């Protein structure tokens, strides 16, 4: 099963949707850039198309998936229609083939955007022989339980808190979000045990502002790995690394490697 503990005294480098600072997110080009930058794990999002296969997309917003080329809903389109405005959009099958054939030593972190077809996701991971290399994370415990039942070799991670509306990507809201997260920080160690046990998780993906040495210590006492998201500022990177996190999820793996390998 995928090892999410620190290696050689440093946290794992997890490429967030590949390496979006270097290439368009959730594309094979972005994954190749992340691997070239030296990541240990690549994180990506999976969304279902009612009229097509599972694809890699962070949300149902077509503007995001097409990188500003179109507006509307992703799930209203067929794969052919989507590729007219987002030609690099990969299917889940294409992404898994990449990991099986081109990146055999890199782990997978699947961030669930699915409510249904979870058995299809698990079956695809098994079919490509990738289940033991994969951690699947979400905020909703029921979805995690469904994946765990379908593929017991997949590792389960609990994401906290839920970024339901993509607030973390809206820079104008960061000051307000930061204040809210700061207010939550003191209570996280006490919530962690209940949340992780309810999800059946062996890893927690924690918003980086909530990371403290106390949180990490509590998680490690439970045998749970801690991965901090999404860290792109050098000061934040040094802070969470010093707190003892097992992994750091970043949009720019090259910065991560440069700082923590120095």
C-alpha atoms as a PDB file:
ATOM      1  CA  UNK A   1       0.000   0.000   0.000  1.00  0.00           C
ATOM      2  CA  UNK A   2       1.183   3.537  -0.769  1.00  0.00           C
ATOM      3  CA  UNK A   3       3.481   4.896   1.943  1.00  0.00           C
ATOM      4  CA  UNK A   4       2.461   8.410   2.980  1.00  0.00           C
ATOM      5  CA  UNK A   5       5.070   8.852   5.696  1.00  0.00           C
ATOM      6  CA  UNK A   6       8.041  11.201   5.488  1.00  0.00           C
ATOM      7  CA  UNK A   7      11.004   9.890   3.536  1.00  0.00           C
ATOM      8  CA  UNK A   8      14.614  10.581   4.460  1.00  0.00           C
ATOM      9  CA  UNK A   9      13.538  13.235   6.960  1.00  0.00           C
ATOM     10  CA  UNK A  10      11.537  15.343   4.495  1.00  0.00           C
ATOM     11  CA  UNK A  11       7.831  15.450   3.651  1.00  0.00           C
ATOM     12  CA  UNK A  12       6.562  13.948   0.432  1.00  0.00           C
ATOM     13  CA  UNK A  13       6.053  16.294  -2.502  1.00  0.00           C
ATOM     14  CA  UNK A  14       2.526  15.976  -3.906  1.00  0.00           C
ATOM     15  CA  UNK A  15       1.810  17.733  -7.211  1.00  0.00           C
ATOM     16  CA  UNK A  16      -1.601  19.390  -6.937  1.00  0.00           C
ATOM     17  CA  UNK A  17      -3.465  18.496 -10.163  1.00  0.00           C
ATOM     18  CA  UNK A  18      -0.051  17.764 -11.575  1.00  0.00           C
ATOM     19  CA  UNK A  19       1.982  20.975 -11.689  1.00  0.00           C
ATOM     20  CA  UNK A  20      -0.384  23.819 -12.680  1.00  0.00           C
ATOM     21  CA  UNK A  21       2.331  26.420 -12.190  1.00  0.00           C
ATOM     22  CA  UNK A  22       4.161  24.714 -15.043  1.00  0.00           C
ATOM     23  CA  UNK A  23       1.380  23.324 -17.303  1.00  0.00           C
ATOM     24  CA  UNK A  24      -2.454  23.278 -17.437  1.00  0.00           C
ATOM     25  CA  UNK A  25      -3.876  21.462 -14.413  1.00  0.00           C
ATOM     26  CA  UNK A  26      -5.360  17.963 -14.569  1.00  0.00           C
ATOM     27  CA  UNK A  27      -3.736  17.226 -17.926  1.00  0.00           C
ATOM     28  CA  UNK A  28      -1.146  14.653 -18.916  1.00  0.00           C
ATOM     29  CA  UNK A  29       1.194  17.519 -19.759  1.00  0.00           C
ATOM     30  CA  UNK A  30       0.852  18.766 -16.201  1.00  0.00           C
ATOM     31  CA  UNK A  31       1.497  15.266 -14.843  1.00  0.00           C
ATOM     32  CA  UNK A  32       4.644  14.938 -16.933  1.00  0.00           C
ATOM     33  CA  UNK A  33       5.859  18.308 -15.647  1.00  0.00           C
ATOM     34  CA  UNK A  34       5.220  17.196 -12.066  1.00  0.00           C
ATOM     35  CA  UNK A  35       7.097  13.938 -12.542  1.00  0.00           C
ATOM     36  CA  UNK A  36       9.992  15.788 -14.176  1.00  0.00           C
ATOM     37  CA  UNK A  37      10.087  18.126 -11.158  1.00  0.00           C
ATOM     38  CA  UNK A  38      10.552  15.146  -8.832  1.00  0.00           C
ATOM     39  CA  UNK A  39       7.189  14.660  -7.128  1.00  0.00           C
ATOM     40  CA  UNK A  40       6.494  11.590  -5.019  1.00  0.00           C
ATOM     41  CA  UNK A  41       2.734  11.670  -5.630  1.00  0.00           C
ATOM     42  CA  UNK A  42       0.428  13.323  -8.179  1.00  0.00           C
ATOM     43  CA  UNK A  43      -2.988  14.538  -7.014  1.00  0.00           C
ATOM     44  CA  UNK A  44      -5.892  14.848  -9.461  1.00  0.00           C
ATOM     45  CA  UNK A  45      -9.666  15.233  -9.497  1.00  0.00           C
ATOM     46  CA  UNK A  46     -12.212  12.886 -11.056  1.00  0.00           C
ATOM     47  CA  UNK A  47     -15.625  13.981 -12.352  1.00  0.00           C
ATOM     48  CA  UNK A  48     -18.350  11.952 -14.070  1.00  0.00           C
ATOM     49  CA  UNK A  49     -19.958  12.806 -17.400  1.00  0.00           C
ATOM     50  CA  UNK A  50     -23.592  11.655 -17.566  1.00  0.00           C
ATOM     51  CA  UNK A  51     -23.121  11.252 -21.323  1.00  0.00           C
ATOM     52  CA  UNK A  52     -19.622   9.838 -21.193  1.00  0.00           C
ATOM     53  CA  UNK A  53     -16.720   8.459 -19.205  1.00  0.00           C
ATOM     54  CA  UNK A  54     -15.075   9.581 -15.999  1.00  0.00           C
ATOM     55  CA  UNK A  55     -12.751  12.508 -16.723  1.00  0.00           C
ATOM     56  CA  UNK A  56     -10.201  14.592 -14.864  1.00  0.00           C
ATOM     57  CA  UNK A  57     -11.768  17.863 -13.729  1.00  0.00           C
ATOM     58  CA  UNK A  58     -11.782  19.818 -10.496  1.00  0.00           C
ATOM     59  CA  UNK A  59     -15.350  21.067 -10.809  1.00  0.00           C
ATOM     60  CA  UNK A  60     -18.433  21.219 -12.994  1.00  0.00           C
ATOM     61  CA  UNK A  61     -17.448  24.713 -14.176  1.00  0.00           C
ATOM     62  CA  UNK A  62     -16.566  24.639 -17.862  1.00  0.00           C
ATOM     63  CA  UNK A  63     -14.621  27.902 -17.575  1.00  0.00           C
ATOM     64  CA  UNK A  64     -12.202  26.188 -15.203  1.00  0.00           C
ATOM     65  CA  UNK A  65     -11.809  23.019 -17.256  1.00  0.00           C
ATOM     66  CA  UNK A  66     -11.367  24.937 -20.523  1.00  0.00           C
ATOM     67  CA  UNK A  67      -8.980  27.439 -18.885  1.00  0.00           C
ATOM     68  CA  UNK A  68     -11.271  30.333 -19.759  1.00  0.00           C
ATOM     69  CA  UNK A  69     -12.178  29.275 -23.303  1.00  0.00           C
ATOM     70  CA  UNK A  70     -15.861  28.532 -22.593  1.00  0.00           C
ATOM     71  CA  UNK A  71     -18.594  28.903 -19.981  1.00  0.00           C
ATOM     72  CA  UNK A  72     -21.287  26.548 -18.761  1.00  0.00           C
ATOM     73  CA  UNK A  73     -21.335  23.167 -17.065  1.00  0.00           C
ATOM     74  CA  UNK A  74     -18.903  20.358 -17.762  1.00  0.00           C
ATOM     75  CA  UNK A  75     -21.485  17.671 -17.071  1.00  0.00           C
ATOM     76  CA  UNK A  76     -23.840  19.075 -19.717  1.00  0.00           C
ATOM     77  CA  UNK A  77     -21.346  18.177 -22.445  1.00  0.00           C
ATOM     78  CA  UNK A  78     -20.224  15.002 -24.143  1.00  0.00           C
ATOM     79  CA  UNK A  79     -16.528  14.147 -24.193  1.00  0.00           C
ATOM     80  CA  UNK A  80     -16.346  15.187 -27.852  1.00  0.00           C
ATOM     81  CA  UNK A  81     -17.931  18.564 -27.073  1.00  0.00           C
ATOM     82  CA  UNK A  82     -15.591  19.116 -24.144  1.00  0.00           C
ATOM     83  CA  UNK A  83     -12.534  18.389 -26.194  1.00  0.00           C
ATOM     84  CA  UNK A  84     -13.615  21.087 -28.613  1.00  0.00           C
ATOM     85  CA  UNK A  85     -12.871  23.670 -25.900  1.00  0.00           C
ATOM     86  CA  UNK A  86     -10.506  21.653 -23.691  1.00  0.00           C
ATOM     87  CA  UNK A  87      -8.466  19.495 -26.076  1.00  0.00           C
ATOM     88  CA  UNK A  88      -6.107  18.258 -23.352  1.00  0.00           C
ATOM     89  CA  UNK A  89      -8.890  17.000 -21.067  1.00  0.00           C
ATOM     90  CA  UNK A  90      -7.982  13.382 -20.213  1.00  0.00           C
ATOM     91  CA  UNK A  91     -10.331  10.574 -19.387  1.00  0.00           C
ATOM     92  CA  UNK A  92      -9.669   8.594 -16.225  1.00  0.00           C
ATOM     93  CA  UNK A  93      -8.542   5.666 -18.365  1.00  0.00           C
ATOM     94  CA  UNK A  94      -5.966   7.822 -20.159  1.00  0.00           C
ATOM     95  CA  UNK A  95      -4.654   9.189 -16.875  1.00  0.00           C
ATOM     96  CA  UNK A  96      -4.331   5.744 -15.301  1.00  0.00           C
ATOM     97  CA  UNK A  97      -2.547   4.444 -18.389  1.00  0.00           C
ATOM     98  CA  UNK A  98      -0.030   7.280 -17.946  1.00  0.00           C
ATOM     99  CA  UNK A  99       0.712   6.262 -14.350  1.00  0.00           C
ATOM    100  CA  UNK A 100       0.932   2.581 -15.242  1.00  0.00           C
ATOM    101  CA  UNK A 101       3.187   3.057 -18.267  1.00  0.00           C
ATOM    102  CA  UNK A 102       5.116   6.322 -17.862  1.00  0.00           C
ATOM    103  CA  UNK A 103       5.305   6.920 -14.099  1.00  0.00           C
ATOM    104  CA  UNK A 104       5.595   3.509 -12.429  1.00  0.00           C
ATOM    105  CA  UNK A 105       7.224   4.855  -9.250  1.00  0.00           C
ATOM    106  CA  UNK A 106       4.847   7.772  -8.598  1.00  0.00           C
ATOM    107  CA  UNK A 107       1.903   7.520  -6.211  1.00  0.00           C
ATOM    108  CA  UNK A 108      -1.642   8.649  -7.030  1.00  0.00           C
ATOM    109  CA  UNK A 109      -3.875  10.869  -4.912  1.00  0.00           C
ATOM    110  CA  UNK A 110      -7.451  10.896  -6.216  1.00  0.00           C
ATOM    111  CA  UNK A 111      -9.574  13.746  -4.866  1.00  0.00           C
ATOM    112  CA  UNK A 112     -13.177  12.651  -5.273  1.00  0.00           C
ATOM    113  CA  UNK A 113     -15.582  14.941  -7.068  1.00  0.00           C
ATOM    114  CA  UNK A 114     -17.904  11.981  -7.634  1.00  0.00           C
ATOM    115  CA  UNK A 115     -21.122  11.109  -5.845  1.00  0.00           C
ATOM    116  CA  UNK A 116     -21.842   8.075  -8.005  1.00  0.00           C
ATOM    117  CA  UNK A 117     -19.854   5.586 -10.117  1.00  0.00           C
ATOM    118  CA  UNK A 118     -17.409   5.106  -7.260  1.00  0.00           C
ATOM    119  CA  UNK A 119     -17.310   1.386  -8.017  1.00  0.00           C
ATOM    120  CA  UNK A 120     -16.262   2.269 -11.581  1.00  0.00           C
ATOM    121  CA  UNK A 121     -13.370   4.350 -10.252  1.00  0.00           C
ATOM    122  CA  UNK A 122     -12.255   1.548  -7.946  1.00  0.00           C
ATOM    123  CA  UNK A 123     -12.519  -1.038 -10.723  1.00  0.00           C
ATOM    124  CA  UNK A 124     -10.371   1.102 -13.028  1.00  0.00           C
ATOM    125  CA  UNK A 125      -7.660   1.448 -10.378  1.00  0.00           C
ATOM    126  CA  UNK A 126      -7.677  -2.324  -9.912  1.00  0.00           C
ATOM    127  CA  UNK A 127      -7.655  -3.014 -13.644  1.00  0.00           C
ATOM    128  CA  UNK A 128      -4.518  -0.920 -14.155  1.00  0.00           C
ATOM    129  CA  UNK A 129      -2.877  -2.420 -11.079  1.00  0.00           C
ATOM    130  CA  UNK A 130      -2.746   0.992  -9.401  1.00  0.00           C
ATOM    131  CA  UNK A 131      -4.897   0.441  -6.300  1.00  0.00           C
ATOM    132  CA  UNK A 132      -1.920  -0.237  -3.994  1.00  0.00           C
ATOM    133  CA  UNK A 133      -0.283   3.014  -5.183  1.00  0.00           C
ATOM    134  CA  UNK A 134      -3.397   5.127  -4.618  1.00  0.00           C
ATOM    135  CA  UNK A 135      -4.895   7.199  -1.816  1.00  0.00           C
ATOM    136  CA  UNK A 136      -8.460   8.419  -2.354  1.00  0.00           C
ATOM    137  CA  UNK A 137      -9.609  11.428  -0.347  1.00  0.00           C
ATOM    138  CA  UNK A 138     -12.843  13.307   0.268  1.00  0.00           C
ATOM    139  CA  UNK A 139     -14.733  15.159   2.975  1.00  0.00           C
ATOM    140  CA  UNK A 140     -17.768  12.868   2.790  1.00  0.00           C
ATOM    141  CA  UNK A 141     -17.295   9.635   4.716  1.00  0.00           C
ATOM    142  CA  UNK A 142     -19.984   7.689   2.840  1.00  0.00           C
ATOM    143  CA  UNK A 143     -18.134   8.110  -0.461  1.00  0.00           C
ATOM    144  CA  UNK A 144     -14.881   6.975   1.114  1.00  0.00           C
ATOM    145  CA  UNK A 145     -16.563   3.896   2.582  1.00  0.00           C
ATOM    146  CA  UNK A 146     -17.954   3.027  -0.866  1.00  0.00           C
ATOM    147  CA  UNK A 147     -14.481   3.173  -2.428  1.00  0.00           C
ATOM    148  CA  UNK A 148     -12.965   1.140   0.404  1.00  0.00           C
ATOM    149  CA  UNK A 149     -15.589  -1.577  -0.038  1.00  0.00           C
ATOM    150  CA  UNK A 150     -15.043  -1.693  -3.793  1.00  0.00           C
ATOM    151  CA  UNK A 151     -11.231  -1.772  -3.586  1.00  0.00           C
ATOM    152  CA  UNK A 152      -9.788  -2.671  -0.160  1.00  0.00           C
ATOM    153  CA  UNK A 153      -6.219  -2.092  -1.399  1.00  0.00           C
ATOM    154  CA  UNK A 154      -6.839   1.635  -1.904  1.00  0.00           C
ATOM    155  CA  UNK A 155      -5.756   3.846   0.982  1.00  0.00           C
ATOM    156  CA  UNK A 156      -8.344   6.273   2.393  1.00  0.00           C
ATOM    157  CA  UNK A 157      -7.692   9.926   3.246  1.00  0.00           C
ATOM    158  CA  UNK A 158     -10.007  12.443   4.878  1.00  0.00           C
ATOM    159  CA  UNK A 159      -9.962  16.022   3.546  1.00  0.00           C
ATOM    160  CA  UNK A 160     -10.564  18.812   6.054  1.00  0.00           C
ATOM    161  CA  UNK A 161     -12.206  21.238   5.797  1.00  0.00           C
ATOM    162  CA  UNK A 162     -14.306  20.847   2.670  1.00  0.00           C
ATOM    163  CA  UNK A 163     -13.601  23.552   0.085  1.00  0.00           C
ATOM    164  CA  UNK A 164     -17.076  23.145  -1.300  1.00  0.00           C
ATOM    165  CA  UNK A 165     -17.225  26.301  -3.395  1.00  0.00           C
ATOM    166  CA  UNK A 166     -13.594  26.541  -4.401  1.00  0.00           C
ATOM    167  CA  UNK A 167     -13.036  29.443  -2.023  1.00  0.00           C
ATOM    168  CA  UNK A 168      -9.327  28.648  -1.774  1.00  0.00           C
ATOM    169  CA  UNK A 169      -8.972  29.738  -5.405  1.00  0.00           C
ATOM    170  CA  UNK A 170     -10.609  33.142  -4.925  1.00  0.00           C
ATOM    171  CA  UNK A 171      -7.794  35.429  -3.848  1.00  0.00           C
ATOM    172  CA  UNK A 172     -10.092  38.264  -2.812  1.00  0.00           C
ATOM    173  CA  UNK A 173     -11.600  35.995  -0.137  1.00  0.00           C
ATOM    174  CA  UNK A 174      -8.310  34.796   1.326  1.00  0.00           C
ATOM    175  CA  UNK A 175      -8.207  37.327   4.205  1.00  0.00           C
ATOM    176  CA  UNK A 176     -11.681  36.276   5.379  1.00  0.00           C
ATOM    177  CA  UNK A 177     -10.925  32.583   4.900  1.00  0.00           C
ATOM    178  CA  UNK A 178      -7.662  32.973   6.784  1.00  0.00           C
ATOM    179  CA  UNK A 179      -9.429  34.467   9.780  1.00  0.00           C
ATOM    180  CA  UNK A 180     -11.968  31.657   9.827  1.00  0.00           C
ATOM    181  CA  UNK A 181      -9.315  28.982   9.636  1.00  0.00           C
ATOM    182  CA  UNK A 182      -7.282  30.648  12.375  1.00  0.00           C
ATOM    183  CA  UNK A 183     -10.346  30.527  14.621  1.00  0.00           C
ATOM    184  CA  UNK A 184     -10.743  26.789  13.895  1.00  0.00           C
ATOM    185  CA  UNK A 185      -7.109  25.900  14.513  1.00  0.00           C
ATOM    186  CA  UNK A 186      -7.277  25.344  18.263  1.00  0.00           C
ATOM    187  CA  UNK A 187     -10.133  22.841  18.010  1.00  0.00           C
ATOM    188  CA  UNK A 188      -8.712  20.699  15.204  1.00  0.00           C
ATOM    189  CA  UNK A 189      -6.695  18.288  17.392  1.00  0.00           C
ATOM    190  CA  UNK A 190      -9.866  17.455  19.324  1.00  0.00           C
ATOM    191  CA  UNK A 191     -12.007  16.982  16.204  1.00  0.00           C
ATOM    192  CA  UNK A 192      -9.426  14.931  14.371  1.00  0.00           C
ATOM    193  CA  UNK A 193      -9.936  11.621  16.166  1.00  0.00           C
ATOM    194  CA  UNK A 194     -13.692  11.526  15.543  1.00  0.00           C
ATOM    195  CA  UNK A 195     -13.493  12.673  11.937  1.00  0.00           C
ATOM    196  CA  UNK A 196     -10.744  10.266  10.901  1.00  0.00           C
ATOM    197  CA  UNK A 197     -12.289   7.272  12.640  1.00  0.00           C
ATOM    198  CA  UNK A 198     -15.707   7.968  11.126  1.00  0.00           C
ATOM    199  CA  UNK A 199     -14.144   8.051   7.661  1.00  0.00           C
ATOM    200  CA  UNK A 200     -12.001   4.955   8.214  1.00  0.00           C
ATOM    201  CA  UNK A 201      -9.032   7.022   7.059  1.00  0.00           C
ATOM    202  CA  UNK A 202      -5.325   6.421   7.564  1.00  0.00           C
ATOM    203  CA  UNK A 203      -4.372   9.875   6.261  1.00  0.00           C
ATOM    204  CA  UNK A 204      -5.732  13.386   6.691  1.00  0.00           C
ATOM    205  CA  UNK A 205      -5.431  16.095   4.045  1.00  0.00           C
ATOM    206  CA  UNK A 206      -5.456  19.289   6.093  1.00  0.00           C
ATOM    207  CA  UNK A 207      -5.679  22.900   4.897  1.00  0.00           C
ATOM    208  CA  UNK A 208      -2.224  24.256   5.636  1.00  0.00           C
ATOM    209  CA  UNK A 209      -3.422  27.063   7.944  1.00  0.00           C
ATOM    210  CA  UNK A 210      -4.769  24.399  10.304  1.00  0.00           C
ATOM    211  CA  UNK A 211      -1.446  22.586  10.598  1.00  0.00           C
ATOM    212  CA  UNK A 212       0.263  22.847  13.968  1.00  0.00           C
ATOM    213  CA  UNK A 213       2.760  20.573  15.750  1.00  0.00           C
ATOM    214  CA  UNK A 214      -0.078  19.556  18.074  1.00  0.00           C
ATOM    215  CA  UNK A 215      -2.315  18.460  15.212  1.00  0.00           C
ATOM    216  CA  UNK A 216       0.476  16.461  13.627  1.00  0.00           C
ATOM    217  CA  UNK A 217       1.367  14.847  16.950  1.00  0.00           C
ATOM    218  CA  UNK A 218      -2.256  13.841  17.565  1.00  0.00           C
ATOM    219  CA  UNK A 219      -2.556  12.348  14.086  1.00  0.00           C
ATOM    220  CA  UNK A 220       0.696  10.441  14.346  1.00  0.00           C
ATOM    221  CA  UNK A 221      -0.375   9.023  17.716  1.00  0.00           C
ATOM    222  CA  UNK A 222      -3.352   7.527  15.838  1.00  0.00           C
ATOM    223  CA  UNK A 223      -1.103   6.146  13.101  1.00  0.00           C
ATOM    224  CA  UNK A 224      -2.472   8.721  10.643  1.00  0.00           C
ATOM    225  CA  UNK A 225      -0.343  10.578   8.089  1.00  0.00           C
ATOM    226  CA  UNK A 226      -0.812  14.346   7.626  1.00  0.00           C
ATOM    227  CA  UNK A 227      -0.658  16.069   4.230  1.00  0.00           C
ATOM    228  CA  UNK A 228      -0.968  19.862   4.059  1.00  0.00           C
ATOM    229  CA  UNK A 229      -2.779  21.607   1.162  1.00  0.00           C
ATOM    230  CA  UNK A 230      -2.270  23.752  -0.893  1.00  0.00           C
ATOM    231  CA  UNK A 231       1.153  25.233  -0.136  1.00  0.00           C
ATOM    232  CA  UNK A 232       2.899  27.566  -2.587  1.00  0.00           C
ATOM    233  CA  UNK A 233       4.477  30.167  -0.310  1.00  0.00           C
ATOM    234  CA  UNK A 234       8.033  29.371   0.901  1.00  0.00           C
ATOM    235  CA  UNK A 235       7.259  30.551   4.433  1.00  0.00           C
ATOM    236  CA  UNK A 236       4.198  28.293   4.655  1.00  0.00           C
ATOM    237  CA  UNK A 237       6.195  25.414   3.250  1.00  0.00           C
ATOM    238  CA  UNK A 238       8.902  25.779   5.870  1.00  0.00           C
ATOM    239  CA  UNK A 239       6.292  26.139   8.632  1.00  0.00           C
ATOM    240  CA  UNK A 240       4.329  22.976   7.843  1.00  0.00           C
ATOM    241  CA  UNK A 241       7.520  21.007   7.227  1.00  0.00           C
ATOM    242  CA  UNK A 242       8.812  22.092  10.651  1.00  0.00           C
ATOM    243  CA  UNK A 243       5.468  21.040  12.178  1.00  0.00           C
ATOM    244  CA  UNK A 244       6.214  17.503  11.013  1.00  0.00           C
ATOM    245  CA  UNK A 245       3.731  16.933   8.186  1.00  0.00           C
ATOM    246  CA  UNK A 246       4.252  13.816   6.090  1.00  0.00           C
ATOM    247  CA  UNK A 247       3.436  15.459   2.777  1.00  0.00           C
ATOM    248  CA  UNK A 248       2.913  18.853   1.182  1.00  0.00           C
ATOM    249  CA  UNK A 249       0.488  19.387  -1.697  1.00  0.00           C
ATOM    250  CA  UNK A 250       1.675  22.174  -3.989  1.00  0.00           C
ATOM    251  CA  UNK A 251       0.935  23.766  -7.342  1.00  0.00           C
ATOM    252  CA  UNK A 252       4.646  24.242  -8.062  1.00  0.00           C
ATOM    253  CA  UNK A 253       6.716  21.158  -7.246  1.00  0.00           C
ATOM    254  CA  UNK A 254       9.878  22.794  -8.533  1.00  0.00           C
ATOM    255  CA  UNK A 255       9.710  25.387  -5.729  1.00  0.00           C
ATOM    256  CA  UNK A 256       9.077  22.639  -3.179  1.00  0.00           C
ATOM    257  CA  UNK A 257      12.049  20.609  -4.301  1.00  0.00           C
ATOM    258  CA  UNK A 258      14.324  23.657  -4.422  1.00  0.00           C
ATOM    259  CA  UNK A 259      13.451  24.749  -0.876  1.00  0.00           C
ATOM    260  CA  UNK A 260      13.402  21.439   0.981  1.00  0.00           C
ATOM    261  CA  UNK A 261      16.321  19.901  -0.883  1.00  0.00           C
ATOM    262  CA  UNK A 262      18.598  22.846  -0.117  1.00  0.00           C
END
